[in-house]
Amino acid sequence: MKIGIDISQTVFEGTGVGVYFRKISETLPRVDGINKYVFFGSSLRRRQKNFWPFPPTLLDALWNQAHIFSVDNLIGKTDVFHTSDWLQPPTAAKKVTTIFDLVVFKFPETSHQKIVATQKRALEWAKKEVARFIAISQSTKKDAVKILKIPAEKIDVVYLAPSLGPIVPGIQKKYSLDKPYLLALGTKEPRKNLPRLIEAFNKLGRPDIDLIIVGKQGWETEVLPSNKNVRLLGYIPESDKPALYSDARAFVYPSLYEGFGIPILEAMSVGCPVITSNVGSMPEAGGKAAIYVDPNDSGNISDKLFDIITMPSKKYSELKSRSLDQAKDFSWEKAARETVEVYKKAYGS
């Protein structure tokens, strides 16, 4: 088969969608020695092979609205074309689409309305044209069946995986990390639940530990409450993340909704214990190794923060060990091999 893949979203560094298409496009040709791969990307911010200088608004108008101008004109004929849930170009190929989450349907108030409109348009075309769907969790698959009315037999679950680089020394000095700290990471937007996390942390009244929040500004302009023990580092290089995870007392991820939650596995892959939400897909990522909270209850979150801070060393070591074991169950090689099987199903459909 000749397989085309839209890698446009790799330009969005630090996002789960960007990580997915970067890692899957790198790994597929390495594990699959039979099929041929051709990549398509569109961006005004990136100039490289396989990328065309088309703004997202133009492609939304062409492909999600008018639904004209086949992507085959740009990359040639393919047997299978793999898209995201963001753009749906016309093509003569059998289509595979990855659905990352249904946040635009379940929590539209937590996304910018332009994002909601664009993704809904793309998914309407996907329902009509796509041969096979990939969901990144069982939770997302259930949402796709319930909300989009996609038949369950057309959806395959392929889990994502951690993809951290080596631990870089000197992070403590670079970011002046002179106290033990809890780490939170994610784009600053409403569903990441950061105000409630800060509220829960402030209830602890522990001046001996910091809450470090890492992540670029999303569409939400809300100013997060803080004190001298809550530090907002903003966007940091991907190369700095492994050391920040590794040195943290715990990684705290009380999101209201996620398609999967790669940061959970990133933290666990370096032995960092995780506190995360007991809803949606997050228990699928955290398994039996994570500590779970009700993301709508700041008191419950605060209690679990206290537990991890005061946990006896033996129990804490056991938790770190379980975290490492949980992360080992996920790999991009496994995800790529399972994705090839989805392409085969689509081509034969």
Foldseek 3Di string as FASTA:
>chain_A
DEEEEEQALLVVPPDPSNVVSVLLVVQQVVLDVDYHYDYAYEDCVDDDPRYDPDHLVVQLCCCLNVQDDACCVVTNAGQEYEYELQGGHDHPHAYEYEDWADCLPVPVVQAPPVSSVRSVSSVVVCLVGHQAYEFQFPLRLVCCCVPVVRDSVRYDHFHAAADADDADPDLCVVVVVPAAEEEEEDAPIPQQLVLLQQVLQVVLVDPRYAYEYEEAHDPDPDDRDDDPRYHYPYHDDSNNVLNVLLRHLAYEGAGNETSACRVLLSSLLNLHAYEYAPDGRDCVQCPPLHHYAHSVDSNRSNVVVVCSVPPDPVVSNVSSVVSNVSNVVHDSNSSSVVVVVSSVSSSVD
